[in-house]
Amino acid sequence: MTKVLTIRIPPALLSQAEAKAARLGVDRAKYVRGLIEEDLARKEPESKHKFASQDLMGSCTSIAPGQSATNALVREVMRARLLARREKNR
């Protein structure tokens, strides 16, 4: 069973889409469905960038032995150090 999809687009864009559909020999709905299907079938490229805070791992040596240096733990330790410095300099 199909569902109805309603979109709002400027009249100029609608006329361009209808003209392209006519050139392809399909109606507007089939043209739009085809565009959506093509887009969904395309494989998305893998991200080249990793989460930046991974750089924090290994930058904190005061973590207890045997404790995993997760991003959250490293941030917590660094935040505690910063607060301690602030208190010391008051």
PDB file of N, CA and C in Angstrom:
ATOM      1  N   MET A   1       0.840  -1.178   0.000  1.00  0.00           N
ATOM      2  CA  MET A   1       0.000   0.000   0.000  1.00  0.00           C
ATOM      3  C   MET A   1       0.887   1.243   0.000  1.00  0.00           C
ATOM      4  N   THR A   2       0.550   2.181  -0.842  1.00  0.00           N
ATOM      5  CA  THR A   2       1.358   3.401  -0.931  1.00  0.00           C
ATOM      6  C   THR A   2       0.792   4.478  -0.010  1.00  0.00           C
ATOM      7  N   LYS A   3       1.669   5.397   0.372  1.00  0.00           N
ATOM      8  CA  LYS A   3       1.289   6.534   1.214  1.00  0.00           C
ATOM      9  C   LYS A   3       1.471   7.808   0.415  1.00  0.00           C
ATOM     10  N   VAL A   4       0.773   8.854   0.806  1.00  0.00           N
ATOM     11  CA  VAL A   4       0.861  10.136   0.129  1.00  0.00           C
ATOM     12  C   VAL A   4       1.928  10.978   0.806  1.00  0.00           C
ATOM     13  N   LEU A   5       2.760  11.625  -0.002  1.00  0.00           N
ATOM     14  CA  LEU A   5       3.797  12.530   0.484  1.00  0.00           C
ATOM     15  C   LEU A   5       3.506  13.907  -0.092  1.00  0.00           C
ATOM     16  N   THR A   6       3.369  14.890   0.771  1.00  0.00           N
ATOM     17  CA  THR A   6       3.090  16.252   0.330  1.00  0.00           C
ATOM     18  C   THR A   6       4.294  17.110   0.637  1.00  0.00           C
ATOM     19  N   ILE A   7       4.762  17.854  -0.351  1.00  0.00           N
ATOM     20  CA  ILE A   7       5.880  18.765  -0.148  1.00  0.00           C
ATOM     21  C   ILE A   7       5.515  20.140  -0.698  1.00  0.00           C
ATOM     22  N   ARG A   8       6.147  21.159  -0.153  1.00  0.00           N
ATOM     23  CA  ARG A   8       5.947  22.518  -0.649  1.00  0.00           C
ATOM     24  C   ARG A   8       7.230  22.966  -1.321  1.00  0.00           C
ATOM     25  N   ILE A   9       7.094  23.350  -2.585  1.00  0.00           N
ATOM     26  CA  ILE A   9       8.246  23.846  -3.328  1.00  0.00           C
ATOM     27  C   ILE A   9       7.830  25.097  -4.100  1.00  0.00           C
ATOM     28  N   PRO A  10       8.774  25.954  -4.410  1.00  0.00           N
ATOM     29  CA  PRO A  10       8.441  27.158  -5.170  1.00  0.00           C
ATOM     30  C   PRO A  10       7.900  26.796  -6.560  1.00  0.00           C
ATOM     31  N   PRO A  11       7.016  27.619  -7.101  1.00  0.00           N
ATOM     32  CA  PRO A  11       6.427  27.337  -8.414  1.00  0.00           C
ATOM     33  C   PRO A  11       7.464  27.145  -9.521  1.00  0.00           C
ATOM     34  N   ALA A  12       8.546  27.904  -9.482  1.00  0.00           N
ATOM     35  CA  ALA A  12       9.571  27.771 -10.524  1.00  0.00           C
ATOM     36  C   ALA A  12      10.216  26.386 -10.479  1.00  0.00           C
ATOM     37  N   LEU A  13      10.481  25.892  -9.270  1.00  0.00           N
ATOM     38  CA  LEU A  13      11.083  24.560  -9.127  1.00  0.00           C
ATOM     39  C   LEU A  13      10.107  23.478  -9.574  1.00  0.00           C
ATOM     40  N   LEU A  14       8.835  23.669  -9.253  1.00  0.00           N
ATOM     41  CA  LEU A  14       7.815  22.704  -9.672  1.00  0.00           C
ATOM     42  C   LEU A  14       7.734  22.634 -11.191  1.00  0.00           C
ATOM     43  N   SER A  15       7.740  23.772 -11.848  1.00  0.00           N
ATOM     44  CA  SER A  15       7.652  23.753 -13.315  1.00  0.00           C
ATOM     45  C   SER A  15       8.888  23.106 -13.938  1.00  0.00           C
ATOM     46  N   GLN A  16      10.055  23.329 -13.336  1.00  0.00           N
ATOM     47  CA  GLN A  16      11.270  22.678 -13.842  1.00  0.00           C
ATOM     48  C   GLN A  16      11.187  21.167 -13.671  1.00  0.00           C
ATOM     49  N   ALA A  17      10.687  20.717 -12.511  1.00  0.00           N
ATOM     50  CA  ALA A  17      10.547  19.280 -12.256  1.00  0.00           C
ATOM     51  C   ALA A  17       9.547  18.651 -13.221  1.00  0.00           C
ATOM     52  N   GLU A  18       8.427  19.348 -13.462  1.00  0.00           N
ATOM     53  CA  GLU A  18       7.434  18.818 -14.396  1.00  0.00           C
ATOM     54  C   GLU A  18       7.994  18.756 -15.814  1.00  0.00           C
ATOM     55  N   ALA A  19       8.772  19.756 -16.212  1.00  0.00           N
ATOM     56  CA  ALA A  19       9.382  19.753 -17.547  1.00  0.00           C
ATOM     57  C   ALA A  19      10.371  18.602 -17.689  1.00  0.00           C
ATOM     58  N   LYS A  20      11.175  18.371 -16.642  1.00  0.00           N
ATOM     59  CA  LYS A  20      12.140  17.266 -16.695  1.00  0.00           C
ATOM     60  C   LYS A  20      11.420  15.928 -16.760  1.00  0.00           C
ATOM     61  N   ALA A  21      10.361  15.775 -15.973  1.00  0.00           N
ATOM     62  CA  ALA A  21       9.587  14.531 -15.998  1.00  0.00           C
ATOM     63  C   ALA A  21       9.002  14.306 -17.385  1.00  0.00           C
ATOM     64  N   ALA A  22       8.507  15.373 -18.007  1.00  0.00           N
ATOM     65  CA  ALA A  22       7.936  15.242 -19.353  1.00  0.00           C
ATOM     66  C   ALA A  22       9.000  14.834 -20.363  1.00  0.00           C
ATOM     67  N   ARG A  23      10.198  15.409 -20.236  1.00  0.00           N
ATOM     68  CA  ARG A  23      11.297  15.032 -21.147  1.00  0.00           C
ATOM     69  C   ARG A  23      11.670  13.560 -20.986  1.00  0.00           C
ATOM     70  N   LEU A  24      11.564  13.059 -19.759  1.00  0.00           N
ATOM     71  CA  LEU A  24      11.883  11.652 -19.494  1.00  0.00           C
ATOM     72  C   LEU A  24      10.725  10.722 -19.838  1.00  0.00           C
ATOM     73  N   GLY A  25       9.548  11.303 -20.097  1.00  0.00           N
ATOM     74  CA  GLY A  25       8.387  10.492 -20.457  1.00  0.00           C
ATOM     75  C   GLY A  25       7.688   9.858 -19.272  1.00  0.00           C
ATOM     76  N   VAL A  26       7.802  10.471 -18.103  1.00  0.00           N
ATOM     77  CA  VAL A  26       7.127   9.946 -16.911  1.00  0.00           C
ATOM     78  C   VAL A  26       6.322  11.078 -16.276  1.00  0.00           C
ATOM     79  N   ASP A  27       5.403  10.705 -15.404  1.00  0.00           N
ATOM     80  CA  ASP A  27       4.668  11.756 -14.706  1.00  0.00           C
ATOM     81  C   ASP A  27       5.494  12.270 -13.523  1.00  0.00           C
ATOM     82  N   ARG A  28       5.038  13.357 -12.934  1.00  0.00           N
ATOM     83  CA  ARG A  28       5.783  14.015 -11.860  1.00  0.00           C
ATOM     84  C   ARG A  28       6.022  13.078 -10.675  1.00  0.00           C
ATOM     85  N   ALA A  29       5.013  12.330 -10.275  1.00  0.00           N
ATOM     86  CA  ALA A  29       5.149  11.431  -9.120  1.00  0.00           C
ATOM     87  C   ALA A  29       6.200  10.354  -9.372  1.00  0.00           C
ATOM     88  N   LYS A  30       6.186   9.787 -10.567  1.00  0.00           N
ATOM     89  CA  LYS A  30       7.162   8.738 -10.879  1.00  0.00           C
ATOM     90  C   LYS A  30       8.574   9.321 -10.921  1.00  0.00           C
ATOM     91  N   TYR A  31       8.703  10.542 -11.421  1.00  0.00           N
ATOM     92  CA  TYR A  31      10.005  11.220 -11.458  1.00  0.00           C
ATOM     93  C   TYR A  31      10.548  11.427 -10.041  1.00  0.00           C
ATOM     94  N   VAL A  32       9.710  11.921  -9.149  1.00  0.00           N
ATOM     95  CA  VAL A  32      10.142  12.163  -7.765  1.00  0.00           C
ATOM     96  C   VAL A  32      10.453  10.846  -7.062  1.00  0.00           C
ATOM     97  N   ARG A  33       9.610   9.829  -7.257  1.00  0.00           N
ATOM     98  CA  ARG A  33       9.891   8.508  -6.663  1.00  0.00           C
ATOM     99  C   ARG A  33      11.229   7.979  -7.151  1.00  0.00           C
ATOM    100  N   GLY A  34      11.506   8.150  -8.431  1.00  0.00           N
ATOM    101  CA  GLY A  34      12.771   7.685  -8.993  1.00  0.00           C
ATOM    102  C   GLY A  34      13.969   8.382  -8.361  1.00  0.00           C
ATOM    103  N   LEU A  35      13.837   9.698  -8.153  1.00  0.00           N
ATOM    104  CA  LEU A  35      14.922  10.432  -7.503  1.00  0.00           C
ATOM    105  C   LEU A  35      15.172   9.934  -6.081  1.00  0.00           C
ATOM    106  N   ILE A  36      14.100   9.698  -5.355  1.00  0.00           N
ATOM    107  CA  ILE A  36      14.243   9.203  -3.977  1.00  0.00           C
ATOM    108  C   ILE A  36      14.869   7.813  -3.979  1.00  0.00           C
ATOM    109  N   GLU A  37      14.407   6.943  -4.861  1.00  0.00           N
ATOM    110  CA  GLU A  37      14.960   5.580  -4.924  1.00  0.00           C
ATOM    111  C   GLU A  37      16.443   5.594  -5.287  1.00  0.00           C
ATOM    112  N   GLU A  38      16.826   6.442  -6.247  1.00  0.00           N
ATOM    113  CA  GLU A  38      18.241   6.548  -6.630  1.00  0.00           C
ATOM    114  C   GLU A  38      19.094   7.024  -5.457  1.00  0.00           C
ATOM    115  N   ASP A  39      18.588   8.022  -4.752  1.00  0.00           N
ATOM    116  CA  ASP A  39      19.340   8.564  -3.626  1.00  0.00           C
ATOM    117  C   ASP A  39      19.514   7.520  -2.523  1.00  0.00           C
ATOM    118  N   LEU A  40      18.466   6.778  -2.237  1.00  0.00           N
ATOM    119  CA  LEU A  40      18.544   5.764  -1.184  1.00  0.00           C
ATOM    120  C   LEU A  40      19.406   4.579  -1.593  1.00  0.00           C
ATOM    121  N   ALA A  41      19.491   4.296  -2.882  1.00  0.00           N
ATOM    122  CA  ALA A  41      20.296   3.175  -3.355  1.00  0.00           C
ATOM    123  C   ALA A  41      21.790   3.507  -3.360  1.00  0.00           C
ATOM    124  N   ARG A  42      22.115   4.799  -3.419  1.00  0.00           N
ATOM    125  CA  ARG A  42      23.514   5.211  -3.434  1.00  0.00           C
ATOM    126  C   ARG A  42      24.180   4.907  -2.100  1.00  0.00           C
ATOM    127  N   LYS A  43      25.363   4.350  -2.154  1.00  0.00           N
ATOM    128  CA  LYS A  43      26.109   4.039  -0.940  1.00  0.00           C
ATOM    129  C   LYS A  43      26.756   5.328  -0.420  1.00  0.00           C
ATOM    130  N   GLU A  44      26.541   5.606   0.847  1.00  0.00           N
ATOM    131  CA  GLU A  44      27.114   6.815   1.432  1.00  0.00           C
ATOM    132  C   GLU A  44      28.596   6.601   1.697  1.00  0.00           C
ATOM    133  N   PRO A  45      29.419   7.608   1.385  1.00  0.00           N
ATOM    134  CA  PRO A  45      30.850   7.470   1.645  1.00  0.00           C
ATOM    135  C   PRO A  45      31.118   7.429   3.150  1.00  0.00           C
ATOM    136  N   GLU A  46      32.119   6.651   3.523  1.00  0.00           N
ATOM    137  CA  GLU A  46      32.479   6.573   4.935  1.00  0.00           C
ATOM    138  C   GLU A  46      33.137   7.876   5.355  1.00  0.00           C
ATOM    139  N   SER A  47      32.896   8.259   6.564  1.00  0.00           N
ATOM    140  CA  SER A  47      33.466   9.497   7.071  1.00  0.00           C
ATOM    141  C   SER A  47      34.977   9.363   7.199  1.00  0.00           C
ATOM    142  N   LYS A  48      35.696  10.388   6.754  1.00  0.00           N
ATOM    143  CA  LYS A  48      37.147  10.361   6.834  1.00  0.00           C
ATOM    144  C   LYS A  48      37.638  10.868   8.191  1.00  0.00           C
ATOM    145  N   HIS A  49      36.751  11.531   8.909  1.00  0.00           N
ATOM    146  CA  HIS A  49      37.153  12.131  10.176  1.00  0.00           C
ATOM    147  C   HIS A  49      36.677  11.287  11.343  1.00  0.00           C
ATOM    148  N   LYS A  50      37.509  11.167  12.316  1.00  0.00           N
ATOM    149  CA  LYS A  50      37.134  10.450  13.524  1.00  0.00           C
ATOM    150  C   LYS A  50      36.774  11.460  14.591  1.00  0.00           C
ATOM    151  N   PHE A  51      36.122  10.997  15.627  1.00  0.00           N
ATOM    152  CA  PHE A  51      35.724  11.870  16.717  1.00  0.00           C
ATOM    153  C   PHE A  51      36.971  12.501  17.324  1.00  0.00           C
ATOM    154  N   ALA A  52      37.021  13.819  17.361  1.00  0.00           N
ATOM    155  CA  ALA A  52      38.244  14.552  17.711  1.00  0.00           C
ATOM    156  C   ALA A  52      38.751  14.253  19.112  1.00  0.00           C
ATOM    157  N   SER A  53      37.877  13.956  20.052  1.00  0.00           N
ATOM    158  CA  SER A  53      38.345  13.774  21.415  1.00  0.00           C
ATOM    159  C   SER A  53      39.091  12.462  21.611  1.00  0.00           C
ATOM    160  N   GLN A  54      39.183  11.627  20.596  1.00  0.00           N
ATOM    161  CA  GLN A  54      40.005  10.434  20.712  1.00  0.00           C
ATOM    162  C   GLN A  54      41.451  10.827  20.992  1.00  0.00           C
ATOM    163  N   ASP A  55      41.824  12.051  20.626  1.00  0.00           N
ATOM    164  CA  ASP A  55      43.176  12.540  20.888  1.00  0.00           C
ATOM    165  C   ASP A  55      43.453  12.689  22.377  1.00  0.00           C
ATOM    166  N   LEU A  56      42.411  12.778  23.186  1.00  0.00           N
ATOM    167  CA  LEU A  56      42.605  12.932  24.625  1.00  0.00           C
ATOM    168  C   LEU A  56      43.126  11.644  25.268  1.00  0.00           C
ATOM    169  N   MET A  57      42.817  10.521  24.660  1.00  0.00           N
ATOM    170  CA  MET A  57      43.250   9.257  25.250  1.00  0.00           C
ATOM    171  C   MET A  57      44.773   9.192  25.264  1.00  0.00           C
ATOM    172  N   GLY A  58      45.329   8.834  26.372  1.00  0.00           N
ATOM    173  CA  GLY A  58      46.773   8.752  26.517  1.00  0.00           C
ATOM    174  C   GLY A  58      47.383  10.055  26.998  1.00  0.00           C
ATOM    175  N   SER A  59      46.601  11.128  27.037  1.00  0.00           N
ATOM    176  CA  SER A  59      47.138  12.408  27.480  1.00  0.00           C
ATOM    177  C   SER A  59      47.002  12.586  28.988  1.00  0.00           C
ATOM    178  N   CYS A  60      46.435  11.616  29.656  1.00  0.00           N
ATOM    179  CA  CYS A  60      46.195  11.723  31.089  1.00  0.00           C
ATOM    180  C   CYS A  60      46.836  10.511  31.784  1.00  0.00           C
ATOM    181  N   THR A  61      47.906  10.755  32.518  1.00  0.00           N
ATOM    182  CA  THR A  61      48.626   9.645  33.141  1.00  0.00           C
ATOM    183  C   THR A  61      48.186   9.362  34.567  1.00  0.00           C
ATOM    184  N   SER A  62      47.280  10.171  35.105  1.00  0.00           N
ATOM    185  CA  SER A  62      46.900   9.977  36.507  1.00  0.00           C
ATOM    186  C   SER A  62      45.677   9.085  36.685  1.00  0.00           C
ATOM    187  N   ILE A  63      45.349   8.305  35.690  1.00  0.00           N
ATOM    188  CA  ILE A  63      44.237   7.369  35.810  1.00  0.00           C
ATOM    189  C   ILE A  63      44.748   6.136  36.545  1.00  0.00           C
ATOM    190  N   ALA A  64      43.923   5.621  37.427  1.00  0.00           N
ATOM    191  CA  ALA A  64      44.312   4.482  38.255  1.00  0.00           C
ATOM    192  C   ALA A  64      44.693   3.288  37.388  1.00  0.00           C
ATOM    193  N   PRO A  65      45.702   2.508  37.825  1.00  0.00           N
ATOM    194  CA  PRO A  65      46.104   1.319  37.064  1.00  0.00           C
ATOM    195  C   PRO A  65      44.931   0.355  36.895  1.00  0.00           C
ATOM    196  N   GLY A  66      44.813  -0.189  35.720  1.00  0.00           N
ATOM    197  CA  GLY A  66      43.746  -1.137  35.438  1.00  0.00           C
ATOM    198  C   GLY A  66      42.447  -0.468  35.036  1.00  0.00           C
ATOM    199  N   GLN A  67      42.387   0.864  35.120  1.00  0.00           N
ATOM    200  CA  GLN A  67      41.178   1.580  34.750  1.00  0.00           C
ATOM    201  C   GLN A  67      41.294   2.026  33.287  1.00  0.00           C
ATOM    202  N   SER A  68      40.260   1.805  32.508  1.00  0.00           N
ATOM    203  CA  SER A  68      40.278   2.139  31.094  1.00  0.00           C
ATOM    204  C   SER A  68      40.213   3.651  30.898  1.00  0.00           C
ATOM    205  N   ALA A  69      41.050   4.180  30.034  1.00  0.00           N
ATOM    206  CA  ALA A  69      41.095   5.618  29.768  1.00  0.00           C
ATOM    207  C   ALA A  69      40.070   5.979  28.702  1.00  0.00           C
ATOM    208  N   THR A  70      38.811   6.057  29.103  1.00  0.00           N
ATOM    209  CA  THR A  70      37.769   6.452  28.157  1.00  0.00           C
ATOM    210  C   THR A  70      37.753   7.968  28.012  1.00  0.00           C
ATOM    211  N   ASN A  71      37.117   8.442  26.973  1.00  0.00           N
ATOM    212  CA  ASN A  71      37.018   9.881  26.761  1.00  0.00           C
ATOM    213  C   ASN A  71      36.365  10.573  27.947  1.00  0.00           C
ATOM    214  N   ALA A  72      35.293   9.981  28.461  1.00  0.00           N
ATOM    215  CA  ALA A  72      34.581  10.586  29.580  1.00  0.00           C
ATOM    216  C   ALA A  72      35.480  10.671  30.815  1.00  0.00           C
ATOM    217  N   LEU A  73      36.236   9.616  31.089  1.00  0.00           N
ATOM    218  CA  LEU A  73      37.109   9.611  32.258  1.00  0.00           C
ATOM    219  C   LEU A  73      38.242  10.629  32.104  1.00  0.00           C
ATOM    220  N   VAL A  74      38.822  10.703  30.927  1.00  0.00           N
ATOM    221  CA  VAL A  74      39.901  11.661  30.695  1.00  0.00           C
ATOM    222  C   VAL A  74      39.378  13.083  30.857  1.00  0.00           C
ATOM    223  N   ARG A  75      38.203  13.358  30.322  1.00  0.00           N
ATOM    224  CA  ARG A  75      37.614  14.693  30.488  1.00  0.00           C
ATOM    225  C   ARG A  75      37.379  15.001  31.965  1.00  0.00           C
ATOM    226  N   GLU A  76      36.886  14.028  32.701  1.00  0.00           N
ATOM    227  CA  GLU A  76      36.621  14.221  34.129  1.00  0.00           C
ATOM    228  C   GLU A  76      37.916  14.542  34.878  1.00  0.00           C
ATOM    229  N   VAL A  77      38.981  13.789  34.625  1.00  0.00           N
ATOM    230  CA  VAL A  77      40.267  14.018  35.289  1.00  0.00           C
ATOM    231  C   VAL A  77      40.825  15.389  34.918  1.00  0.00           C
ATOM    232  N   MET A  78      40.735  15.751  33.639  1.00  0.00           N
ATOM    233  CA  MET A  78      41.246  17.046  33.203  1.00  0.00           C
ATOM    234  C   MET A  78      40.442  18.198  33.808  1.00  0.00           C
ATOM    235  N   ARG A  79      39.130  18.022  33.917  1.00  0.00           N
ATOM    236  CA  ARG A  79      38.282  19.034  34.535  1.00  0.00           C
ATOM    237  C   ARG A  79      38.641  19.208  36.007  1.00  0.00           C
ATOM    238  N   ALA A  80      38.892  18.090  36.706  1.00  0.00           N
ATOM    239  CA  ALA A  80      39.278  18.160  38.121  1.00  0.00           C
ATOM    240  C   ALA A  80      40.618  18.884  38.279  1.00  0.00           C
ATOM    241  N   ARG A  81      41.567  18.610  37.394  1.00  0.00           N
ATOM    242  CA  ARG A  81      42.862  19.303  37.442  1.00  0.00           C
ATOM    243  C   ARG A  81      42.693  20.807  37.253  1.00  0.00           C
ATOM    244  N   LEU A  82      41.865  21.182  36.284  1.00  0.00           N
ATOM    245  CA  LEU A  82      41.637  22.592  36.007  1.00  0.00           C
ATOM    246  C   LEU A  82      40.996  23.285  37.202  1.00  0.00           C
ATOM    247  N   LEU A  83      40.002  22.651  37.797  1.00  0.00           N
ATOM    248  CA  LEU A  83      39.352  23.242  38.980  1.00  0.00           C
ATOM    249  C   LEU A  83      40.327  23.362  40.144  1.00  0.00           C
ATOM    250  N   ALA A  84      41.205  22.369  40.317  1.00  0.00           N
ATOM    251  CA  ALA A  84      42.193  22.422  41.391  1.00  0.00           C
ATOM    252  C   ALA A  84      43.159  23.593  41.170  1.00  0.00           C
ATOM    253  N   ARG A  85      43.575  23.812  39.948  1.00  0.00           N
ATOM    254  CA  ARG A  85      44.458  24.944  39.645  1.00  0.00           C
ATOM    255  C   ARG A  85      43.770  26.268  39.919  1.00  0.00           C
ATOM    256  N   ARG A  86      42.499  26.362  39.576  1.00  0.00           N
ATOM    257  CA  ARG A  86      41.751  27.596  39.828  1.00  0.00           C
ATOM    258  C   ARG A  86      41.671  27.895  41.309  1.00  0.00           C
ATOM    259  N   GLU A  87      41.386  26.858  42.094  1.00  0.00           N
ATOM    260  CA  GLU A  87      41.279  27.023  43.548  1.00  0.00           C
ATOM    261  C   GLU A  87      42.622  27.422  44.140  1.00  0.00           C
ATOM    262  N   LYS A  88      43.701  26.822  43.640  1.00  0.00           N
ATOM    263  CA  LYS A  88      45.034  27.100  44.153  1.00  0.00           C
ATOM    264  C   LYS A  88      45.446  28.535  43.857  1.00  0.00           C
ATOM    265  N   ASN A  89      45.015  29.071  42.735  1.00  0.00           N
ATOM    266  CA  ASN A  89      45.416  30.419  42.327  1.00  0.00           C
ATOM    267  C   ASN A  89      44.491  31.511  42.834  1.00  0.00           C
ATOM    268  N   ARG A  90      43.518  31.192  43.634  1.00  0.00           N
ATOM    269  CA  ARG A  90      42.605  32.213  44.181  1.00  0.00           C
ATOM    270  C   ARG A  90      43.250  33.005  45.253  1.00  0.00           C
TER     271      ARG A  90
END
